[in-house]
Amino acid sequence: MTKKRERVIVFIDGFNLYFGLKEKGWKKYYWLNVKKLAASLVTPKQVLVHTKYFTAKITKPNSKRKRQEAFLSALGTLSDFSIYYGRYQSFTAICKKCGHKHIQSNEKRTDVNIATHMLVDAFQDSFDTAILISADSDLTLPILEIRRLFPRKYIKIAFPPARSSYDLRNVAPTCFQIYETKLRKSLFPDEVVLATGYTVTRPKSWR
């Protein structure tokens, strides 16, 4: 009798991954097929049943917004793939040295969205193994609770480039780093054709 392969869902913290790539200076990997990256983390004894990507839409500056829109459109062509949005919250920051005021934005809700989906998917028995691509220590508690409530479910943490978390290492049985070789093999083609027939192109600054 053939043994069923373990079901895997991959949860991707989009901004944690982005800022890891940014810190490494790897703009060429911004045009990343994250589902292909997720599939590269799955063993032959497993099957990737879904990939969940968590992010927030950028509004300013316009050039950055357009690049993100192109990327999100490319992601929209993927099957068994979902995008979940948090939001940006703007506030006025004051320089402590000179008193200059400027607007800053913080991304909100991503960690809550990821935690909620991981817990719900565990309760609904949607996966045997969950792989989390993030180094956000705020996700420590939901991972602890999943392991406590569902001891047969397995959690792996894949740290983005230039990212790590001591807290996550202490609660997940398996943690590893995502290296450049996997990123290099997981890019979209320079042009991606959408279901509408429209083509989105990799931004020049991401080449």
N, C-alpha and C. Protein backbone atom coordinates (compact mmCIF):
# COMPACT_ATOMS: atom_id res chain seq x y z
N MET A 1 0.84 -1.21 0.00
CA MET A 1 0.00 0.00 0.00
C MET A 1 0.88 1.26 0.00
N THR A 2 0.58 2.17 -0.91
CA THR A 2 1.37 3.39 -1.01
C THR A 2 1.03 4.35 0.12
N LYS A 3 2.05 4.82 0.81
CA LYS A 3 1.83 5.76 1.90
C LYS A 3 1.55 7.14 1.33
N LYS A 4 0.53 7.80 1.89
CA LYS A 4 0.19 9.14 1.44
C LYS A 4 1.30 10.13 1.79
N ARG A 5 1.54 11.05 0.88
CA ARG A 5 2.55 12.07 1.15
C ARG A 5 2.01 13.11 2.14
N GLU A 6 2.89 13.65 2.94
CA GLU A 6 2.51 14.67 3.91
C GLU A 6 2.08 15.94 3.19
N ARG A 7 1.01 16.53 3.68
CA ARG A 7 0.50 17.78 3.11
C ARG A 7 1.25 18.96 3.73
N VAL A 8 1.68 19.88 2.87
CA VAL A 8 2.45 21.04 3.33
C VAL A 8 1.76 22.33 2.89
N ILE A 9 1.64 23.27 3.81
CA ILE A 9 1.27 24.64 3.48
C ILE A 9 2.45 25.53 3.85
N VAL A 10 2.81 26.43 2.94
CA VAL A 10 3.90 27.37 3.20
C VAL A 10 3.31 28.76 3.43
N PHE A 11 3.70 29.36 4.53
CA PHE A 11 3.23 30.69 4.92
C PHE A 11 4.40 31.67 4.76
N ILE A 12 4.22 32.71 3.95
CA ILE A 12 5.33 33.61 3.62
C ILE A 12 5.07 35.01 4.14
N ASP A 13 5.95 35.47 4.98
CA ASP A 13 5.92 36.85 5.48
C ASP A 13 6.60 37.72 4.43
N GLY A 14 5.79 38.33 3.57
CA GLY A 14 6.32 39.03 2.40
C GLY A 14 7.32 40.12 2.72
N PHE A 15 7.04 40.95 3.71
CA PHE A 15 7.95 42.05 4.01
C PHE A 15 9.20 41.59 4.73
N ASN A 16 9.10 40.56 5.55
CA ASN A 16 10.28 40.01 6.20
C ASN A 16 11.24 39.45 5.15
N LEU A 17 10.67 38.78 4.16
CA LEU A 17 11.48 38.27 3.05
C LEU A 17 12.07 39.42 2.24
N TYR A 18 11.26 40.42 1.92
CA TYR A 18 11.71 41.56 1.13
C TYR A 18 12.87 42.29 1.80
N PHE A 19 12.74 42.57 3.11
CA PHE A 19 13.78 43.33 3.78
C PHE A 19 15.06 42.50 3.97
N GLY A 20 14.92 41.18 4.03
CA GLY A 20 16.10 40.34 4.03
C GLY A 20 16.86 40.45 2.72
N LEU A 21 16.11 40.41 1.60
CA LEU A 21 16.73 40.57 0.29
C LEU A 21 17.34 41.96 0.14
N LYS A 22 16.64 42.96 0.65
CA LYS A 22 17.13 44.33 0.56
C LYS A 22 18.43 44.51 1.33
N GLU A 23 18.49 43.92 2.52
CA GLU A 23 19.70 44.03 3.34
C GLU A 23 20.90 43.39 2.65
N LYS A 24 20.65 42.32 1.91
CA LYS A 24 21.72 41.65 1.17
C LYS A 24 22.08 42.38 -0.12
N GLY A 25 21.25 43.34 -0.52
CA GLY A 25 21.48 44.03 -1.78
C GLY A 25 21.07 43.20 -2.98
N TRP A 26 20.12 42.29 -2.79
CA TRP A 26 19.71 41.35 -3.83
C TRP A 26 18.44 41.81 -4.53
N LYS A 27 18.46 42.97 -5.15
CA LYS A 27 17.29 43.45 -5.87
C LYS A 27 16.89 42.52 -7.01
N LYS A 28 17.86 41.83 -7.55
CA LYS A 28 17.59 40.94 -8.68
C LYS A 28 16.66 39.79 -8.30
N TYR A 29 16.48 39.56 -7.00
CA TYR A 29 15.59 38.49 -6.55
C TYR A 29 14.24 39.02 -6.07
N TYR A 30 13.97 40.32 -6.25
CA TYR A 30 12.65 40.85 -5.90
C TYR A 30 11.57 40.25 -6.79
N TRP A 31 11.95 39.92 -8.04
CA TRP A 31 10.98 39.36 -9.01
C TRP A 31 10.87 37.85 -8.76
N LEU A 32 10.48 37.51 -7.56
CA LEU A 32 10.57 36.13 -7.09
C LEU A 32 9.25 35.39 -7.21
N ASN A 33 9.28 34.24 -7.85
CA ASN A 33 8.12 33.35 -7.86
C ASN A 33 8.11 32.63 -6.52
N VAL A 34 7.40 33.18 -5.57
CA VAL A 34 7.48 32.67 -4.20
C VAL A 34 6.87 31.27 -4.06
N LYS A 35 5.95 30.92 -4.96
CA LYS A 35 5.43 29.55 -4.92
C LYS A 35 6.51 28.56 -5.35
N LYS A 36 7.29 28.93 -6.34
CA LYS A 36 8.39 28.07 -6.78
C LYS A 36 9.42 27.93 -5.66
N LEU A 37 9.67 29.03 -4.94
CA LEU A 37 10.56 28.96 -3.78
C LEU A 37 9.97 28.03 -2.74
N ALA A 38 8.68 28.17 -2.47
CA ALA A 38 8.02 27.30 -1.49
C ALA A 38 8.15 25.83 -1.88
N ALA A 39 7.93 25.54 -3.16
CA ALA A 39 8.01 24.15 -3.63
C ALA A 39 9.41 23.58 -3.46
N SER A 40 10.42 24.45 -3.54
CA SER A 40 11.81 23.97 -3.39
C SER A 40 12.13 23.55 -1.96
N LEU A 41 11.26 23.92 -1.02
CA LEU A 41 11.47 23.58 0.39
C LEU A 41 10.77 22.28 0.79
N VAL A 42 10.02 21.71 -0.15
CA VAL A 42 9.23 20.51 0.11
C VAL A 42 10.00 19.27 -0.32
N THR A 43 9.98 18.23 0.50
CA THR A 43 10.71 16.99 0.20
C THR A 43 9.89 16.10 -0.73
N PRO A 44 10.51 15.08 -1.35
CA PRO A 44 9.76 14.16 -2.23
C PRO A 44 8.66 13.40 -1.50
N LYS A 45 8.75 13.28 -0.20
CA LYS A 45 7.72 12.57 0.58
C LYS A 45 6.56 13.49 0.97
N GLN A 46 6.63 14.73 0.50
CA GLN A 46 5.60 15.71 0.83
C GLN A 46 4.96 16.26 -0.44
N VAL A 47 3.81 16.92 -0.28
CA VAL A 47 3.14 17.58 -1.39
C VAL A 47 2.73 18.98 -0.93
N LEU A 48 3.03 19.97 -1.74
CA LEU A 48 2.66 21.35 -1.44
C LEU A 48 1.21 21.55 -1.84
N VAL A 49 0.33 21.73 -0.86
CA VAL A 49 -1.09 21.86 -1.16
C VAL A 49 -1.52 23.32 -1.32
N HIS A 50 -0.79 24.24 -0.68
CA HIS A 50 -1.13 25.65 -0.83
C HIS A 50 0.03 26.52 -0.36
N THR A 51 0.13 27.70 -0.96
CA THR A 51 1.12 28.69 -0.54
C THR A 51 0.37 29.97 -0.20
N LYS A 52 0.64 30.54 0.97
CA LYS A 52 -0.03 31.74 1.43
C LYS A 52 0.99 32.86 1.62
N TYR A 53 0.72 33.96 0.95
CA TYR A 53 1.65 35.10 0.94
C TYR A 53 1.00 36.29 1.63
N PHE A 54 1.70 36.87 2.59
CA PHE A 54 1.15 37.95 3.41
C PHE A 54 1.94 39.23 3.18
N THR A 55 1.23 40.30 2.85
CA THR A 55 1.89 41.57 2.53
C THR A 55 0.94 42.72 2.79
N ALA A 56 1.29 43.91 2.34
CA ALA A 56 0.42 45.09 2.40
C ALA A 56 0.69 45.92 1.16
N LYS A 57 -0.33 46.60 0.66
CA LYS A 57 -0.17 47.39 -0.55
C LYS A 57 0.47 48.74 -0.24
N ILE A 58 1.45 49.09 -1.05
CA ILE A 58 2.15 50.36 -0.92
C ILE A 58 1.38 51.43 -1.69
N THR A 59 1.30 52.63 -1.13
CA THR A 59 0.61 53.73 -1.82
C THR A 59 1.59 54.79 -2.34
N LYS A 60 2.69 55.00 -1.64
CA LYS A 60 3.68 56.01 -2.02
C LYS A 60 5.07 55.48 -1.77
N PRO A 61 6.06 55.92 -2.56
CA PRO A 61 5.95 56.77 -3.75
C PRO A 61 5.35 56.01 -4.92
N ASN A 62 4.93 56.72 -5.93
CA ASN A 62 4.22 56.13 -7.06
C ASN A 62 5.07 55.09 -7.80
N SER A 63 6.36 55.34 -7.94
CA SER A 63 7.24 54.40 -8.65
C SER A 63 7.31 53.07 -7.92
N LYS A 64 7.39 53.13 -6.61
CA LYS A 64 7.45 51.91 -5.81
C LYS A 64 6.12 51.16 -5.85
N ARG A 65 5.02 51.93 -5.82
CA ARG A 65 3.69 51.32 -5.90
C ARG A 65 3.52 50.56 -7.21
N LYS A 66 3.99 51.14 -8.32
CA LYS A 66 3.84 50.50 -9.63
C LYS A 66 4.66 49.21 -9.70
N ARG A 67 5.86 49.23 -9.11
CA ARG A 67 6.68 48.01 -9.11
C ARG A 67 5.99 46.91 -8.32
N GLN A 68 5.43 47.28 -7.18
CA GLN A 68 4.74 46.28 -6.38
C GLN A 68 3.50 45.74 -7.10
N GLU A 69 2.77 46.63 -7.77
CA GLU A 69 1.58 46.20 -8.51
C GLU A 69 1.93 45.18 -9.58
N ALA A 70 3.05 45.41 -10.28
CA ALA A 70 3.50 44.46 -11.31
C ALA A 70 3.82 43.10 -10.67
N PHE A 71 4.50 43.15 -9.53
CA PHE A 71 4.86 41.92 -8.84
C PHE A 71 3.62 41.17 -8.36
N LEU A 72 2.67 41.89 -7.75
CA LEU A 72 1.45 41.25 -7.26
C LEU A 72 0.62 40.67 -8.40
N SER A 73 0.64 41.35 -9.56
CA SER A 73 -0.06 40.82 -10.73
C SER A 73 0.57 39.50 -11.19
N ALA A 74 1.90 39.45 -11.16
CA ALA A 74 2.59 38.20 -11.53
C ALA A 74 2.23 37.09 -10.55
N LEU A 75 2.19 37.42 -9.26
CA LEU A 75 1.80 36.41 -8.26
C LEU A 75 0.38 35.91 -8.49
N GLY A 76 -0.47 36.80 -9.01
CA GLY A 76 -1.87 36.43 -9.25
C GLY A 76 -2.06 35.36 -10.31
N THR A 77 -1.01 35.05 -11.06
CA THR A 77 -1.11 33.99 -12.09
C THR A 77 -0.89 32.60 -11.50
N LEU A 78 -0.48 32.52 -10.23
CA LEU A 78 -0.11 31.24 -9.64
C LEU A 78 -1.34 30.48 -9.14
N SER A 79 -1.30 29.16 -9.28
CA SER A 79 -2.39 28.32 -8.79
C SER A 79 -2.10 27.85 -7.37
N ASP A 80 -3.15 27.45 -6.66
CA ASP A 80 -3.02 26.99 -5.27
C ASP A 80 -2.20 28.00 -4.47
N PHE A 81 -2.54 29.26 -4.64
CA PHE A 81 -1.78 30.36 -4.07
C PHE A 81 -2.73 31.47 -3.68
N SER A 82 -2.53 32.05 -2.49
CA SER A 82 -3.39 33.13 -2.02
C SER A 82 -2.55 34.27 -1.45
N ILE A 83 -3.06 35.50 -1.62
CA ILE A 83 -2.42 36.68 -1.05
C ILE A 83 -3.35 37.28 -0.01
N TYR A 84 -2.78 37.62 1.14
CA TYR A 84 -3.56 38.23 2.22
C TYR A 84 -2.91 39.56 2.60
N TYR A 85 -3.73 40.59 2.71
CA TYR A 85 -3.21 41.94 2.89
C TYR A 85 -3.41 42.48 4.29
N GLY A 86 -2.34 43.08 4.80
CA GLY A 86 -2.44 43.90 5.98
C GLY A 86 -2.63 45.33 5.51
N ARG A 87 -2.09 46.30 6.23
CA ARG A 87 -2.24 47.69 5.82
C ARG A 87 -1.03 48.50 6.29
N TYR A 88 -0.87 49.65 5.67
CA TYR A 88 0.16 50.58 6.10
C TYR A 88 -0.46 51.65 6.98
N GLN A 89 0.22 51.98 8.06
CA GLN A 89 -0.22 53.04 8.96
C GLN A 89 0.84 54.13 8.98
N SER A 90 0.45 55.34 8.57
CA SER A 90 1.39 56.45 8.52
C SER A 90 1.33 57.28 9.81
N PHE A 91 2.46 57.84 10.17
CA PHE A 91 2.52 58.69 11.36
C PHE A 91 3.63 59.72 11.17
N THR A 92 3.57 60.79 11.94
CA THR A 92 4.57 61.84 11.88
C THR A 92 5.69 61.55 12.86
N ALA A 93 6.90 61.45 12.34
CA ALA A 93 8.08 61.21 13.19
C ALA A 93 8.87 62.50 13.32
N ILE A 94 9.44 62.71 14.49
CA ILE A 94 10.22 63.93 14.76
C ILE A 94 11.65 63.54 15.09
N CYS A 95 12.60 64.11 14.36
CA CYS A 95 14.01 63.85 14.62
C CYS A 95 14.39 64.41 15.99
N LYS A 96 15.01 63.57 16.83
CA LYS A 96 15.38 63.99 18.18
C LYS A 96 16.51 65.02 18.18
N LYS A 97 17.31 65.01 17.11
CA LYS A 97 18.45 65.93 17.05
C LYS A 97 18.08 67.31 16.52
N CYS A 98 17.31 67.33 15.42
CA CYS A 98 17.04 68.62 14.76
C CYS A 98 15.58 69.05 14.84
N GLY A 99 14.70 68.15 15.26
CA GLY A 99 13.29 68.50 15.36
C GLY A 99 12.52 68.45 14.06
N HIS A 100 13.19 68.02 12.98
CA HIS A 100 12.54 67.93 11.67
C HIS A 100 11.43 66.87 11.69
N LYS A 101 10.28 67.23 11.11
CA LYS A 101 9.16 66.29 11.05
C LYS A 101 9.09 65.63 9.68
N HIS A 102 8.80 64.36 9.66
CA HIS A 102 8.64 63.64 8.39
C HIS A 102 7.65 62.49 8.59
N ILE A 103 7.06 62.06 7.49
CA ILE A 103 6.06 61.00 7.53
C ILE A 103 6.73 59.63 7.39
N GLN A 104 6.40 58.72 8.28
CA GLN A 104 6.87 57.35 8.21
C GLN A 104 5.67 56.41 8.13
N SER A 105 5.88 55.25 7.57
CA SER A 105 4.81 54.25 7.47
C SER A 105 5.28 52.93 8.04
N ASN A 106 4.39 52.29 8.78
CA ASN A 106 4.66 50.95 9.30
C ASN A 106 3.62 49.99 8.78
N GLU A 107 4.08 48.81 8.40
CA GLU A 107 3.15 47.77 7.94
C GLU A 107 2.53 47.11 9.16
N LYS A 108 1.19 46.92 9.11
CA LYS A 108 0.45 46.37 10.23
C LYS A 108 -0.32 45.11 9.82
N ARG A 109 -0.57 44.25 10.80
CA ARG A 109 -1.46 43.08 10.71
C ARG A 109 -0.84 41.84 10.10
N THR A 110 0.32 41.93 9.47
CA THR A 110 0.86 40.73 8.82
C THR A 110 1.07 39.60 9.82
N ASP A 111 1.69 39.89 10.97
CA ASP A 111 1.94 38.83 11.94
C ASP A 111 0.64 38.24 12.47
N VAL A 112 -0.38 39.09 12.68
CA VAL A 112 -1.68 38.61 13.14
C VAL A 112 -2.33 37.74 12.07
N ASN A 113 -2.26 38.18 10.82
CA ASN A 113 -2.84 37.40 9.72
C ASN A 113 -2.17 36.03 9.59
N ILE A 114 -0.85 36.01 9.67
CA ILE A 114 -0.14 34.74 9.57
C ILE A 114 -0.51 33.82 10.72
N ALA A 115 -0.49 34.35 11.94
CA ALA A 115 -0.82 33.55 13.12
C ALA A 115 -2.23 32.98 13.01
N THR A 116 -3.17 33.81 12.57
CA THR A 116 -4.57 33.36 12.44
C THR A 116 -4.69 32.23 11.43
N HIS A 117 -4.07 32.40 10.27
CA HIS A 117 -4.17 31.37 9.23
C HIS A 117 -3.49 30.08 9.66
N MET A 118 -2.35 30.17 10.31
CA MET A 118 -1.68 28.95 10.76
C MET A 118 -2.54 28.19 11.76
N LEU A 119 -3.15 28.91 12.69
CA LEU A 119 -3.98 28.26 13.71
C LEU A 119 -5.25 27.68 13.09
N VAL A 120 -5.91 28.45 12.23
CA VAL A 120 -7.14 27.95 11.59
C VAL A 120 -6.84 26.73 10.73
N ASP A 121 -5.76 26.78 9.95
CA ASP A 121 -5.41 25.63 9.10
C ASP A 121 -5.06 24.41 9.94
N ALA A 122 -4.46 24.62 11.10
CA ALA A 122 -4.17 23.50 11.99
C ALA A 122 -5.47 22.90 12.53
N PHE A 123 -6.40 23.75 12.98
CA PHE A 123 -7.68 23.27 13.50
C PHE A 123 -8.50 22.57 12.43
N GLN A 124 -8.40 23.03 11.19
CA GLN A 124 -9.15 22.42 10.10
C GLN A 124 -8.41 21.23 9.48
N ASP A 125 -7.28 20.89 10.05
CA ASP A 125 -6.46 19.77 9.57
C ASP A 125 -6.13 19.92 8.08
N SER A 126 -5.68 21.13 7.71
CA SER A 126 -5.36 21.40 6.31
C SER A 126 -3.93 21.05 5.95
N PHE A 127 -3.08 20.81 6.95
CA PHE A 127 -1.69 20.46 6.69
C PHE A 127 -1.19 19.46 7.72
N ASP A 128 -0.14 18.73 7.30
CA ASP A 128 0.62 17.89 8.23
C ASP A 128 1.88 18.62 8.67
N THR A 129 2.45 19.39 7.72
CA THR A 129 3.63 20.21 8.01
C THR A 129 3.38 21.63 7.54
N ALA A 130 3.73 22.58 8.38
CA ALA A 130 3.67 23.99 8.00
C ALA A 130 5.09 24.52 7.91
N ILE A 131 5.38 25.23 6.82
CA ILE A 131 6.67 25.89 6.68
C ILE A 131 6.43 27.39 6.71
N LEU A 132 7.07 28.06 7.64
CA LEU A 132 6.94 29.50 7.78
C LEU A 132 8.21 30.18 7.29
N ILE A 133 8.06 31.06 6.29
CA ILE A 133 9.19 31.86 5.81
C ILE A 133 9.13 33.21 6.50
N SER A 134 9.86 33.35 7.57
CA SER A 134 9.87 34.58 8.35
C SER A 134 10.89 34.45 9.47
N ALA A 135 11.29 35.61 10.01
CA ALA A 135 12.12 35.62 11.22
C ALA A 135 11.48 36.53 12.26
N ASP A 136 10.16 36.69 12.17
CA ASP A 136 9.43 37.56 13.08
C ASP A 136 9.16 36.81 14.39
N SER A 137 9.80 37.24 15.47
CA SER A 137 9.66 36.56 16.76
C SER A 137 8.25 36.70 17.34
N ASP A 138 7.43 37.62 16.81
CA ASP A 138 6.05 37.74 17.27
C ASP A 138 5.24 36.48 16.96
N LEU A 139 5.74 35.64 16.07
CA LEU A 139 5.03 34.41 15.71
C LEU A 139 5.41 33.22 16.61
N THR A 140 6.18 33.48 17.64
CA THR A 140 6.60 32.43 18.56
C THR A 140 5.41 31.78 19.26
N LEU A 141 4.52 32.59 19.82
CA LEU A 141 3.40 32.05 20.59
C LEU A 141 2.46 31.19 19.77
N PRO A 142 1.99 31.63 18.58
CA PRO A 142 1.12 30.75 17.80
C PRO A 142 1.77 29.42 17.43
N ILE A 143 3.07 29.44 17.19
CA ILE A 143 3.76 28.18 16.89
C ILE A 143 3.76 27.27 18.12
N LEU A 144 4.02 27.84 19.28
CA LEU A 144 3.97 27.08 20.53
C LEU A 144 2.59 26.45 20.73
N GLU A 145 1.54 27.23 20.46
CA GLU A 145 0.18 26.73 20.66
C GLU A 145 -0.18 25.64 19.67
N ILE A 146 0.24 25.78 18.43
CA ILE A 146 -0.02 24.72 17.44
C ILE A 146 0.67 23.43 17.86
N ARG A 147 1.91 23.54 18.33
CA ARG A 147 2.64 22.34 18.75
C ARG A 147 2.01 21.72 20.00
N ARG A 148 1.46 22.55 20.86
CA ARG A 148 0.82 22.02 22.08
C ARG A 148 -0.51 21.34 21.75
N LEU A 149 -1.31 22.00 20.91
CA LEU A 149 -2.65 21.47 20.60
C LEU A 149 -2.62 20.35 19.58
N PHE A 150 -1.63 20.38 18.70
CA PHE A 150 -1.54 19.40 17.61
C PHE A 150 -0.13 18.81 17.56
N PRO A 151 0.22 17.98 18.52
CA PRO A 151 1.60 17.47 18.60
C PRO A 151 2.04 16.66 17.39
N ARG A 152 1.10 16.20 16.57
CA ARG A 152 1.47 15.42 15.39
C ARG A 152 1.78 16.31 14.18
N LYS A 153 1.47 17.57 14.30
CA LYS A 153 1.75 18.49 13.19
C LYS A 153 3.16 19.06 13.37
N TYR A 154 3.84 19.22 12.25
CA TYR A 154 5.25 19.61 12.27
C TYR A 154 5.40 21.05 11.76
N ILE A 155 6.27 21.80 12.39
CA ILE A 155 6.52 23.19 12.00
C ILE A 155 7.99 23.36 11.62
N LYS A 156 8.21 23.95 10.45
CA LYS A 156 9.57 24.31 10.03
C LYS A 156 9.65 25.81 9.82
N ILE A 157 10.77 26.38 10.17
CA ILE A 157 11.00 27.80 9.94
C ILE A 157 12.11 27.96 8.91
N ALA A 158 11.80 28.69 7.84
CA ALA A 158 12.81 29.02 6.82
C ALA A 158 13.12 30.51 6.96
N PHE A 159 14.31 30.82 7.43
CA PHE A 159 14.69 32.22 7.62
C PHE A 159 15.06 32.86 6.29
N PRO A 160 14.51 34.05 6.00
CA PRO A 160 14.92 34.76 4.79
C PRO A 160 16.40 35.14 4.86
N PRO A 161 17.00 35.48 3.73
CA PRO A 161 18.39 35.93 3.74
C PRO A 161 18.58 37.07 4.74
N ALA A 162 19.70 37.06 5.44
CA ALA A 162 20.07 38.11 6.41
C ALA A 162 19.11 38.20 7.58
N ARG A 163 18.30 37.16 7.81
CA ARG A 163 17.33 37.18 8.89
C ARG A 163 17.46 35.91 9.73
N SER A 164 17.21 36.06 11.04
CA SER A 164 17.19 34.92 11.95
C SER A 164 16.43 35.33 13.20
N SER A 165 16.07 34.37 14.04
CA SER A 165 15.36 34.67 15.28
C SER A 165 15.70 33.62 16.32
N TYR A 166 16.29 34.07 17.41
CA TYR A 166 16.61 33.18 18.52
C TYR A 166 15.33 32.57 19.10
N ASP A 167 14.27 33.39 19.24
CA ASP A 167 13.02 32.91 19.82
C ASP A 167 12.39 31.82 18.96
N LEU A 168 12.36 32.03 17.64
CA LEU A 168 11.78 31.02 16.76
C LEU A 168 12.61 29.73 16.76
N ARG A 169 13.92 29.87 16.83
CA ARG A 169 14.77 28.68 16.90
C ARG A 169 14.46 27.83 18.12
N ASN A 170 14.01 28.48 19.20
CA ASN A 170 13.73 27.76 20.44
C ASN A 170 12.38 27.06 20.45
N VAL A 171 11.47 27.41 19.52
CA VAL A 171 10.14 26.80 19.55
C VAL A 171 9.85 25.88 18.37
N ALA A 172 10.63 25.99 17.31
CA ALA A 172 10.40 25.15 16.13
C ALA A 172 11.42 24.03 16.07
N PRO A 173 10.98 22.79 15.79
CA PRO A 173 11.92 21.67 15.76
C PRO A 173 12.93 21.75 14.63
N THR A 174 12.59 22.45 13.55
CA THR A 174 13.50 22.59 12.41
C THR A 174 13.54 24.03 11.94
N CYS A 175 14.74 24.58 11.87
CA CYS A 175 14.96 25.93 11.34
C CYS A 175 16.13 25.88 10.37
N PHE A 176 16.04 26.63 9.30
CA PHE A 176 17.13 26.67 8.33
C PHE A 176 17.10 27.99 7.59
N GLN A 177 18.19 28.31 6.93
CA GLN A 177 18.33 29.56 6.18
C GLN A 177 18.02 29.32 4.71
N ILE A 178 17.40 30.29 4.07
CA ILE A 178 17.20 30.24 2.62
C ILE A 178 18.42 30.85 1.95
N TYR A 179 19.10 30.05 1.15
CA TYR A 179 20.33 30.52 0.51
C TYR A 179 20.07 30.98 -0.93
N GLU A 180 21.05 31.65 -1.48
CA GLU A 180 20.90 32.27 -2.79
C GLU A 180 20.61 31.27 -3.90
N THR A 181 21.12 30.05 -3.78
CA THR A 181 20.90 29.06 -4.84
C THR A 181 19.41 28.81 -5.08
N LYS A 182 18.63 28.76 -4.01
CA LYS A 182 17.18 28.54 -4.17
C LYS A 182 16.50 29.76 -4.78
N LEU A 183 16.94 30.95 -4.41
CA LEU A 183 16.37 32.17 -4.97
C LEU A 183 16.65 32.26 -6.46
N ARG A 184 17.88 31.93 -6.83
CA ARG A 184 18.30 32.02 -8.23
C ARG A 184 17.44 31.14 -9.13
N LYS A 185 16.98 30.01 -8.59
CA LYS A 185 16.19 29.06 -9.38
C LYS A 185 14.69 29.32 -9.28
N SER A 186 14.29 30.39 -8.58
CA SER A 186 12.86 30.60 -8.31
C SER A 186 12.34 31.93 -8.84
N LEU A 187 12.96 32.45 -9.88
CA LEU A 187 12.52 33.73 -10.44
C LEU A 187 11.44 33.54 -11.50
N PHE A 188 10.56 34.53 -11.62
CA PHE A 188 9.64 34.59 -12.75
C PHE A 188 10.44 34.88 -14.02
N PRO A 189 9.91 34.54 -15.19
CA PRO A 189 10.51 35.05 -16.43
C PRO A 189 10.35 36.57 -16.45
N ASP A 190 11.15 37.26 -17.25
CA ASP A 190 11.11 38.73 -17.29
C ASP A 190 9.73 39.25 -17.67
N GLU A 191 8.98 38.49 -18.46
CA GLU A 191 7.62 38.88 -18.83
C GLU A 191 6.65 37.78 -18.40
N VAL A 192 5.58 38.20 -17.73
CA VAL A 192 4.57 37.26 -17.25
C VAL A 192 3.23 37.64 -17.88
N VAL A 193 2.59 36.69 -18.54
CA VAL A 193 1.31 36.93 -19.19
C VAL A 193 0.18 36.63 -18.21
N LEU A 194 -0.69 37.61 -18.00
CA LEU A 194 -1.82 37.46 -17.09
C LEU A 194 -2.99 36.76 -17.79
N ALA A 195 -3.99 36.37 -17.03
CA ALA A 195 -5.16 35.70 -17.59
C ALA A 195 -5.90 36.59 -18.58
N THR A 196 -5.77 37.90 -18.40
CA THR A 196 -6.43 38.86 -19.31
C THR A 196 -5.71 38.99 -20.65
N GLY A 197 -4.51 38.41 -20.74
CA GLY A 197 -3.70 38.55 -21.93
C GLY A 197 -2.69 39.68 -21.82
N TYR A 198 -2.85 40.51 -20.82
CA TYR A 198 -1.92 41.61 -20.58
C TYR A 198 -0.60 41.05 -20.04
N THR A 199 0.50 41.69 -20.38
CA THR A 199 1.82 41.25 -19.94
C THR A 199 2.40 42.22 -18.93
N VAL A 200 2.88 41.69 -17.80
CA VAL A 200 3.61 42.52 -16.84
C VAL A 200 5.10 42.19 -16.97
N THR A 201 5.91 43.22 -16.83
CA THR A 201 7.34 43.10 -17.07
C THR A 201 8.13 43.37 -15.80
N ARG A 202 9.17 42.61 -15.64
CA ARG A 202 10.07 42.80 -14.51
C ARG A 202 10.64 44.22 -14.51
N PRO A 203 10.51 44.97 -13.41
CA PRO A 203 11.05 46.33 -13.36
C PRO A 203 12.55 46.35 -13.66
N LYS A 204 12.99 47.39 -14.38
CA LYS A 204 14.39 47.49 -14.77
C LYS A 204 15.33 47.52 -13.57
N SER A 205 14.91 48.15 -12.50
CA SER A 205 15.77 48.25 -11.31
C SER A 205 15.88 46.93 -10.56
N TRP A 206 15.10 45.93 -10.97
CA TRP A 206 15.13 44.60 -10.32
C TRP A 206 15.91 43.59 -11.15
N ARG A 207 16.68 44.06 -12.10
CA ARG A 207 17.42 43.13 -12.98
C ARG A 207 18.87 42.98 -12.54
